[in-house]
Amino acid sequence: GRLDTITSPELSEALNAELDGVTELLLDME
């Protein structure tokens, strides 16, 4: 979909919640 002013906080929250212990992050933008 769209990563914009409205949806970017959702991605930020997901990253903050999920990145502990992660050594490789892949953002798939297909």
Full PDB file with SEQRES, HELIX, SHEET, SSBOND, CRYST1, ORIGX, SCALE, CONECT and MASTER records, all heavy atoms in Angstrom:
SEQRES   1 A   30  GLY ARG LEU ASP THR ILE THR SER PRO GLU LEU SER GLU          
SEQRES   2 A   30  ALA LEU ASN ALA GLU LEU ASP GLY VAL THR GLU LEU LEU          
SEQRES   3 A   30  LEU ASP MET GLU                                              
HELIX    1 AA1 SER A    8  GLU A   18  1                                  11    
CRYST1    1.000    1.000    1.000  90.00  90.00  90.00 P 1           1          
ORIGX1      1.000000  0.000000  0.000000        0.00000                         
ORIGX2      0.000000  1.000000  0.000000        0.00000                         
ORIGX3      0.000000  0.000000  1.000000        0.00000                         
SCALE1      1.000000  0.000000  0.000000        0.00000                         
SCALE2      0.000000  1.000000  0.000000        0.00000                         
SCALE3      0.000000  0.000000  1.000000        0.00000                         
ATOM      1  N   GLY A   1       0.816  -1.211   0.000  1.00  0.00           N  
ATOM      2  CA  GLY A   1       0.000   0.000   0.000  1.00  0.00           C  
ATOM      3  C   GLY A   1       0.846   1.255   0.000  1.00  0.00           C  
ATOM      4  O   GLY A   1       1.811   1.365  -0.746  1.00  0.00           O  
ATOM      5  N   ARG A   2       0.478   2.198   0.871  1.00  0.00           N  
ATOM      6  CA  ARG A   2       1.129   3.503   0.933  1.00  0.00           C  
ATOM      7  C   ARG A   2       1.819   3.686   2.284  1.00  0.00           C  
ATOM      8  O   ARG A   2       1.209   3.466   3.319  1.00  0.00           O  
ATOM      9  CB  ARG A   2       0.093   4.608   0.748  1.00  0.00           C  
ATOM     10  CG  ARG A   2      -0.614   4.572  -0.584  1.00  0.00           C  
ATOM     11  CD  ARG A   2      -1.767   5.563  -0.632  1.00  0.00           C  
ATOM     12  NE  ARG A   2      -1.350   6.923  -0.333  1.00  0.00           N  
ATOM     13  CZ  ARG A   2      -0.918   7.801  -1.242  1.00  0.00           C  
ATOM     14  NH1 ARG A   2      -0.856   7.444  -2.510  1.00  0.00           N  
ATOM     15  NH2 ARG A   2      -0.575   9.016  -0.891  1.00  0.00           N  
ATOM     16  N   LEU A   3       3.075   4.116   2.247  1.00  0.00           N  
ATOM     17  CA  LEU A   3       3.813   4.458   3.467  1.00  0.00           C  
ATOM     18  C   LEU A   3       3.916   5.974   3.491  1.00  0.00           C  
ATOM     19  O   LEU A   3       4.742   6.570   2.800  1.00  0.00           O  
ATOM     20  CB  LEU A   3       5.193   3.794   3.467  1.00  0.00           C  
ATOM     21  CG  LEU A   3       6.085   4.038   4.686  1.00  0.00           C  
ATOM     22  CD1 LEU A   3       5.363   3.726   5.979  1.00  0.00           C  
ATOM     23  CD2 LEU A   3       7.363   3.234   4.576  1.00  0.00           C  
ATOM     24  N   ASP A   4       3.024   6.599   4.261  1.00  0.00           N  
ATOM     25  CA  ASP A   4       2.909   8.055   4.262  1.00  0.00           C  
ATOM     26  C   ASP A   4       2.714   8.569   5.687  1.00  0.00           C  
ATOM     27  O   ASP A   4       2.927   7.826   6.647  1.00  0.00           O  
ATOM     28  CB  ASP A   4       1.769   8.501   3.339  1.00  0.00           C  
ATOM     29  CG  ASP A   4       0.421   7.849   3.681  1.00  0.00           C  
ATOM     30  OD1 ASP A   4       0.231   7.420   4.842  1.00  0.00           O  
ATOM     31  OD2 ASP A   4      -0.444   7.790   2.795  1.00  0.00           O  
ATOM     32  N   THR A   5       2.319   9.809   5.815  1.00  0.00           N  
ATOM     33  CA  THR A   5       2.146  10.432   7.133  1.00  0.00           C  
ATOM     34  C   THR A   5       1.159   9.660   8.003  1.00  0.00           C  
ATOM     35  O   THR A   5       1.359   9.533   9.211  1.00  0.00           O  
ATOM     36  CB  THR A   5       1.657  11.891   6.965  1.00  0.00           C  
ATOM     37  OG1 THR A   5       2.588  12.575   6.136  1.00  0.00           O  
ATOM     38  CG2 THR A   5       1.545  12.596   8.298  1.00  0.00           C  
ATOM     39  N   ILE A   6       0.134   9.128   7.401  1.00  0.00           N  
ATOM     40  CA  ILE A   6      -0.898   8.411   8.160  1.00  0.00           C  
ATOM     41  C   ILE A   6      -0.428   7.027   8.581  1.00  0.00           C  
ATOM     42  O   ILE A   6      -0.684   6.592   9.703  1.00  0.00           O  
ATOM     43  CB  ILE A   6      -2.199   8.323   7.327  1.00  0.00           C  
ATOM     44  CG1 ILE A   6      -2.757   9.730   7.120  1.00  0.00           C  
ATOM     45  CG2 ILE A   6      -3.228   7.416   7.991  1.00  0.00           C  
ATOM     46  CD1 ILE A   6      -3.870   9.821   6.096  1.00  0.00           C  
ATOM     47  N   THR A   7       0.288   6.328   7.697  1.00  0.00           N  
ATOM     48  CA  THR A   7       0.651   4.933   7.974  1.00  0.00           C  
ATOM     49  C   THR A   7       2.048   4.741   8.548  1.00  0.00           C  
ATOM     50  O   THR A   7       2.349   3.680   9.089  1.00  0.00           O  
ATOM     51  CB  THR A   7       0.530   4.093   6.685  1.00  0.00           C  
ATOM     52  OG1 THR A   7       1.414   4.626   5.694  1.00  0.00           O  
ATOM     53  CG2 THR A   7      -0.895   4.081   6.159  1.00  0.00           C  
ATOM     54  N   SER A   8       2.908   5.748   8.462  1.00  0.00           N  
ATOM     55  CA  SER A   8       4.279   5.576   8.961  1.00  0.00           C  
ATOM     56  C   SER A   8       4.349   5.284  10.464  1.00  0.00           C  
ATOM     57  O   SER A   8       5.214   4.504  10.880  1.00  0.00           O  
ATOM     58  CB  SER A   8       5.166   6.760   8.585  1.00  0.00           C  
ATOM     59  OG  SER A   8       4.684   7.944   9.137  1.00  0.00           O  
ATOM     60  N   PRO A   9       3.454   5.837  11.303  1.00  0.00           N  
ATOM     61  CA  PRO A   9       3.517   5.445  12.718  1.00  0.00           C  
ATOM     62  C   PRO A   9       3.275   3.953  12.934  1.00  0.00           C  
ATOM     63  O   PRO A   9       3.859   3.351  13.835  1.00  0.00           O  
ATOM     64  CB  PRO A   9       2.405   6.278  13.368  1.00  0.00           C  
ATOM     65  CG  PRO A   9       2.261   7.468  12.479  1.00  0.00           C  
ATOM     66  CD  PRO A   9       2.504   6.937  11.093  1.00  0.00           C  
ATOM     67  N   GLU A  10       2.461   3.342  12.079  1.00  0.00           N  
ATOM     68  CA  GLU A  10       2.213   1.903  12.187  1.00  0.00           C  
ATOM     69  C   GLU A  10       3.495   1.106  11.934  1.00  0.00           C  
ATOM     70  O   GLU A  10       3.810   0.163  12.668  1.00  0.00           O  
ATOM     71  CB  GLU A  10       1.139   1.497  11.183  1.00  0.00           C  
ATOM     72  CG  GLU A  10       0.788   0.030  11.209  1.00  0.00           C  
ATOM     73  CD  GLU A  10      -0.233  -0.349  10.150  1.00  0.00           C  
ATOM     74  OE1 GLU A  10      -0.803   0.537   9.484  1.00  0.00           O  
ATOM     75  OE2 GLU A  10      -0.444  -1.561   9.982  1.00  0.00           O  
ATOM     76  N   LEU A  11       4.267   1.508  10.921  1.00  0.00           N  
ATOM     77  CA  LEU A  11       5.537   0.826  10.651  1.00  0.00           C  
ATOM     78  C   LEU A  11       6.529   1.089  11.775  1.00  0.00           C  
ATOM     79  O   LEU A  11       7.240   0.180  12.212  1.00  0.00           O  
ATOM     80  CB  LEU A  11       6.126   1.269   9.307  1.00  0.00           C  
ATOM     81  CG  LEU A  11       7.477   0.648   8.949  1.00  0.00           C  
ATOM     82  CD1 LEU A  11       7.401  -0.880   8.918  1.00  0.00           C  
ATOM     83  CD2 LEU A  11       7.977   1.199   7.621  1.00  0.00           C  
ATOM     84  N   SER A  12       6.569   2.306  12.264  1.00  0.00           N  
ATOM     85  CA  SER A  12       7.475   2.638  13.363  1.00  0.00           C  
ATOM     86  C   SER A  12       7.171   1.789  14.600  1.00  0.00           C  
ATOM     87  O   SER A  12       8.086   1.242  15.225  1.00  0.00           O  
ATOM     88  CB  SER A  12       7.349   4.130  13.696  1.00  0.00           C  
ATOM     89  OG  SER A  12       8.240   4.479  14.720  1.00  0.00           O  
ATOM     90  N   GLU A  13       5.899   1.643  14.928  1.00  0.00           N  
ATOM     91  CA  GLU A  13       5.501   0.830  16.077  1.00  0.00           C  
ATOM     92  C   GLU A  13       5.868  -0.636  15.860  1.00  0.00           C  
ATOM     93  O   GLU A  13       6.351  -1.303  16.778  1.00  0.00           O  
ATOM     94  CB  GLU A  13       4.004   0.964  16.333  1.00  0.00           C  
ATOM     95  CG  GLU A  13       3.610   2.318  16.886  1.00  0.00           C  
ATOM     96  CD  GLU A  13       2.100   2.512  16.941  1.00  0.00           C  
ATOM     97  OE1 GLU A  13       1.352   1.516  16.821  1.00  0.00           O  
ATOM     98  OE2 GLU A  13       1.675   3.669  17.105  1.00  0.00           O  
ATOM     99  N   ALA A  14       5.655  -1.138  14.637  1.00  0.00           N  
ATOM    100  CA  ALA A  14       5.986  -2.532  14.338  1.00  0.00           C  
ATOM    101  C   ALA A  14       7.482  -2.762  14.495  1.00  0.00           C  
ATOM    102  O   ALA A  14       7.912  -3.768  15.079  1.00  0.00           O  
ATOM    103  CB  ALA A  14       5.535  -2.889  12.924  1.00  0.00           C  
ATOM    104  N   LEU A  15       8.281  -1.836  13.995  1.00  0.00           N  
ATOM    105  CA  LEU A  15       9.733  -1.970  14.109  1.00  0.00           C  
ATOM    106  C   LEU A  15      10.174  -1.917  15.565  1.00  0.00           C  
ATOM    107  O   LEU A  15      10.993  -2.733  16.004  1.00  0.00           O  
ATOM    108  CB  LEU A  15      10.430  -0.882  13.290  1.00  0.00           C  
ATOM    109  CG  LEU A  15      10.346  -1.055  11.779  1.00  0.00           C  
ATOM    110  CD1 LEU A  15      10.730   0.238  11.074  1.00  0.00           C  
ATOM    111  CD2 LEU A  15      11.226  -2.209  11.320  1.00  0.00           C  
ATOM    112  N   ASN A  16       9.641  -0.986  16.328  1.00  0.00           N  
ATOM    113  CA  ASN A  16      10.011  -0.877  17.734  1.00  0.00           C  
ATOM    114  C   ASN A  16       9.641  -2.136  18.509  1.00  0.00           C  
ATOM    115  O   ASN A  16      10.370  -2.555  19.409  1.00  0.00           O  
ATOM    116  CB  ASN A  16       9.368   0.349  18.372  1.00  0.00           C  
ATOM    117  CG  ASN A  16      10.014   1.640  17.919  1.00  0.00           C  
ATOM    118  OD1 ASN A  16      11.179   1.670  17.543  1.00  0.00           O  
ATOM    119  ND2 ASN A  16       9.253   2.713  17.942  1.00  0.00           N  
ATOM    120  N   ALA A  17       8.523  -2.733  18.157  1.00  0.00           N  
ATOM    121  CA  ALA A  17       8.054  -3.927  18.868  1.00  0.00           C  
ATOM    122  C   ALA A  17       8.802  -5.186  18.457  1.00  0.00           C  
ATOM    123  O   ALA A  17       8.918  -6.123  19.250  1.00  0.00           O  
ATOM    124  CB  ALA A  17       6.555  -4.114  18.620  1.00  0.00           C  
ATOM    125  N   GLU A  18       9.325  -5.227  17.238  1.00  0.00           N  
ATOM    126  CA  GLU A  18       9.832  -6.486  16.691  1.00  0.00           C  
ATOM    127  C   GLU A  18      11.349  -6.574  16.566  1.00  0.00           C  
ATOM    128  O   GLU A  18      11.880  -7.649  16.308  1.00  0.00           O  
ATOM    129  CB  GLU A  18       9.226  -6.715  15.297  1.00  0.00           C  
ATOM    130  CG  GLU A  18       7.736  -6.589  15.245  1.00  0.00           C  
ATOM    131  CD  GLU A  18       7.002  -7.918  15.191  1.00  0.00           C  
ATOM    132  OE1 GLU A  18       7.671  -8.946  15.048  1.00  0.00           O  
ATOM    133  OE2 GLU A  18       5.782  -7.898  15.289  1.00  0.00           O  
ATOM    134  N   LEU A  19      12.092  -5.482  16.698  1.00  0.00           N  
ATOM    135  CA  LEU A  19      13.521  -5.507  16.379  1.00  0.00           C  
ATOM    136  C   LEU A  19      14.438  -6.017  17.482  1.00  0.00           C  
ATOM    137  O   LEU A  19      15.606  -6.280  17.210  1.00  0.00           O  
ATOM    138  CB  LEU A  19      13.999  -4.126  15.919  1.00  0.00           C  
ATOM    139  CG  LEU A  19      13.608  -3.738  14.502  1.00  0.00           C  
ATOM    140  CD1 LEU A  19      14.203  -2.387  14.134  1.00  0.00           C  
ATOM    141  CD2 LEU A  19      14.028  -4.790  13.499  1.00  0.00           C  
ATOM    142  N   ASP A  20      13.942  -6.178  18.694  1.00  0.00           N  
ATOM    143  CA  ASP A  20      14.806  -6.718  19.751  1.00  0.00           C  
ATOM    144  C   ASP A  20      15.282  -8.113  19.358  1.00  0.00           C  
ATOM    145  O   ASP A  20      14.486  -8.990  19.041  1.00  0.00           O  
ATOM    146  CB  ASP A  20      14.072  -6.777  21.089  1.00  0.00           C  
ATOM    147  CG  ASP A  20      13.907  -5.409  21.719  1.00  0.00           C  
ATOM    148  OD1 ASP A  20      14.634  -4.479  21.328  1.00  0.00           O  
ATOM    149  OD2 ASP A  20      13.031  -5.258  22.601  1.00  0.00           O  
ATOM    150  N   GLY A  21      16.591  -8.317  19.347  1.00  0.00           N  
ATOM    151  CA  GLY A  21      17.165  -9.605  19.022  1.00  0.00           C  
ATOM    152  C   GLY A  21      17.306  -9.893  17.534  1.00  0.00           C  
ATOM    153  O   GLY A  21      17.822 -10.934  17.149  1.00  0.00           O  
ATOM    154  N   VAL A  22      16.861  -8.977  16.698  1.00  0.00           N  
ATOM    155  CA  VAL A  22      16.954  -9.167  15.251  1.00  0.00           C  
ATOM    156  C   VAL A  22      18.324  -8.688  14.767  1.00  0.00           C  
ATOM    157  O   VAL A  22      18.756  -7.596  15.110  1.00  0.00           O  
ATOM    158  CB  VAL A  22      15.823  -8.386  14.521  1.00  0.00           C  
ATOM    159  CG1 VAL A  22      16.036  -8.373  13.024  1.00  0.00           C  
ATOM    160  CG2 VAL A  22      14.466  -8.977  14.868  1.00  0.00           C  
ATOM    161  N   THR A  23      18.996  -9.525  13.982  1.00  0.00           N  
ATOM    162  CA  THR A  23      20.287  -9.134  13.417  1.00  0.00           C  
ATOM    163  C   THR A  23      20.204  -8.890  11.916  1.00  0.00           C  
ATOM    164  O   THR A  23      21.116  -8.331  11.330  1.00  0.00           O  
ATOM    165  CB  THR A  23      21.367 -10.201  13.693  1.00  0.00           C  
ATOM    166  OG1 THR A  23      20.952 -11.443  13.106  1.00  0.00           O  
ATOM    167  CG2 THR A  23      21.594 -10.368  15.188  1.00  0.00           C  
ATOM    168  N   GLU A  24      19.110  -9.319  11.300  1.00  0.00           N  
ATOM    169  CA  GLU A  24      18.906  -9.076   9.867  1.00  0.00           C  
ATOM    170  C   GLU A  24      17.454  -8.672   9.640  1.00  0.00           C  
ATOM    171  O   GLU A  24      16.527  -9.412   9.970  1.00  0.00           O  
ATOM    172  CB  GLU A  24      19.241 -10.313   9.045  1.00  0.00           C  
ATOM    173  CG  GLU A  24      19.166 -10.055   7.554  1.00  0.00           C  
ATOM    174  CD  GLU A  24      19.577 -11.257   6.719  1.00  0.00           C  
ATOM    175  OE1 GLU A  24      20.183 -12.197   7.268  1.00  0.00           O  
ATOM    176  OE2 GLU A  24      19.280 -11.245   5.523  1.00  0.00           O  
ATOM    177  N   LEU A  25      17.282  -7.482   9.074  1.00  0.00           N  
ATOM    178  CA  LEU A  25      15.948  -6.969   8.764  1.00  0.00           C  
ATOM    179  C   LEU A  25      15.825  -6.831   7.253  1.00  0.00           C  
ATOM    180  O   LEU A  25      16.691  -6.247   6.604  1.00  0.00           O  
ATOM    181  CB  LEU A  25      15.738  -5.604   9.423  1.00  0.00           C  
ATOM    182  CG  LEU A  25      14.458  -4.845   9.033  1.00  0.00           C  
ATOM    183  CD1 LEU A  25      13.209  -5.619   9.470  1.00  0.00           C  
ATOM    184  CD2 LEU A  25      14.465  -3.444   9.649  1.00  0.00           C  
ATOM    185  N   LEU A  26      14.748  -7.368   6.705  1.00  0.00           N  
ATOM    186  CA  LEU A  26      14.455  -7.225   5.286  1.00  0.00           C  
ATOM    187  C   LEU A  26      13.125  -6.498   5.144  1.00  0.00           C  
ATOM    188  O   LEU A  26      12.111  -6.950   5.679  1.00  0.00           O  
ATOM    189  CB  LEU A  26      14.376  -8.593   4.597  1.00  0.00           C  
ATOM    190  CG  LEU A  26      13.923  -8.572   3.138  1.00  0.00           C  
ATOM    191  CD1 LEU A  26      14.934  -7.823   2.257  1.00  0.00           C  
ATOM    192  CD2 LEU A  26      13.704  -9.975   2.619  1.00  0.00           C  
ATOM    193  N   LEU A  27      13.149  -5.362   4.465  1.00  0.00           N  
ATOM    194  CA  LEU A  27      11.923  -4.652   4.125  1.00  0.00           C  
ATOM    195  C   LEU A  27      11.586  -4.997   2.686  1.00  0.00           C  
ATOM    196  O   LEU A  27      12.283  -4.595   1.761  1.00  0.00           O  
ATOM    197  CB  LEU A  27      12.104  -3.136   4.279  1.00  0.00           C  
ATOM    198  CG  LEU A  27      12.390  -2.607   5.679  1.00  0.00           C  
ATOM    199  CD1 LEU A  27      12.530  -1.097   5.643  1.00  0.00           C  
ATOM    200  CD2 LEU A  27      11.298  -3.029   6.653  1.00  0.00           C  
ATOM    201  N   ASP A  28      10.533  -5.773   2.502  1.00  0.00           N  
ATOM    202  CA  ASP A  28      10.099  -6.193   1.165  1.00  0.00           C  
ATOM    203  C   ASP A  28       9.057  -5.196   0.673  1.00  0.00           C  
ATOM    204  O   ASP A  28       7.965  -5.103   1.219  1.00  0.00           O  
ATOM    205  CB  ASP A  28       9.514  -7.598   1.229  1.00  0.00           C  
ATOM    206  CG  ASP A  28       9.175  -8.156  -0.142  1.00  0.00           C  
ATOM    207  OD1 ASP A  28       9.014  -7.358  -1.096  1.00  0.00           O  
ATOM    208  OD2 ASP A  28       9.056  -9.376  -0.261  1.00  0.00           O  
ATOM    209  N   MET A  29       9.411  -4.438  -0.365  1.00  0.00           N  
ATOM    210  CA  MET A  29       8.552  -3.362  -0.864  1.00  0.00           C  
ATOM    211  C   MET A  29       7.858  -3.717  -2.177  1.00  0.00           C  
ATOM    212  O   MET A  29       7.418  -2.838  -2.906  1.00  0.00           O  
ATOM    213  CB  MET A  29       9.372  -2.088  -1.024  1.00  0.00           C  
ATOM    214  CG  MET A  29       9.941  -1.594   0.269  1.00  0.00           C  
ATOM    215  SD  MET A  29      10.731   0.007   0.075  1.00  0.00           S  
ATOM    216  CE  MET A  29      11.091   0.394   1.780  1.00  0.00           C  
ATOM    217  N   GLU A  30       7.723  -5.006  -2.447  1.00  0.00           N  
ATOM    218  CA  GLU A  30       7.137  -5.426  -3.718  1.00  0.00           C  
ATOM    219  C   GLU A  30       5.730  -4.861  -3.919  1.00  0.00           C  
ATOM    220  O   GLU A  30       5.356  -4.490  -5.028  1.00  0.00           O  
ATOM    221  CB  GLU A  30       7.095  -6.955  -3.797  1.00  0.00           C  
ATOM    222  CG  GLU A  30       6.623  -7.457  -5.139  1.00  0.00           C  
ATOM    223  CD  GLU A  30       6.815  -8.950  -5.300  1.00  0.00           C  
ATOM    224  OE1 GLU A  30       7.100  -9.651  -4.320  1.00  0.00           O  
ATOM    225  OE2 GLU A  30       6.670  -9.419  -6.437  1.00  0.00           O  
TER     226      GLU A  30                                                      
MASTER        0    0    0    1    0    0    0    6  225    1    0    3          
END                                                                             
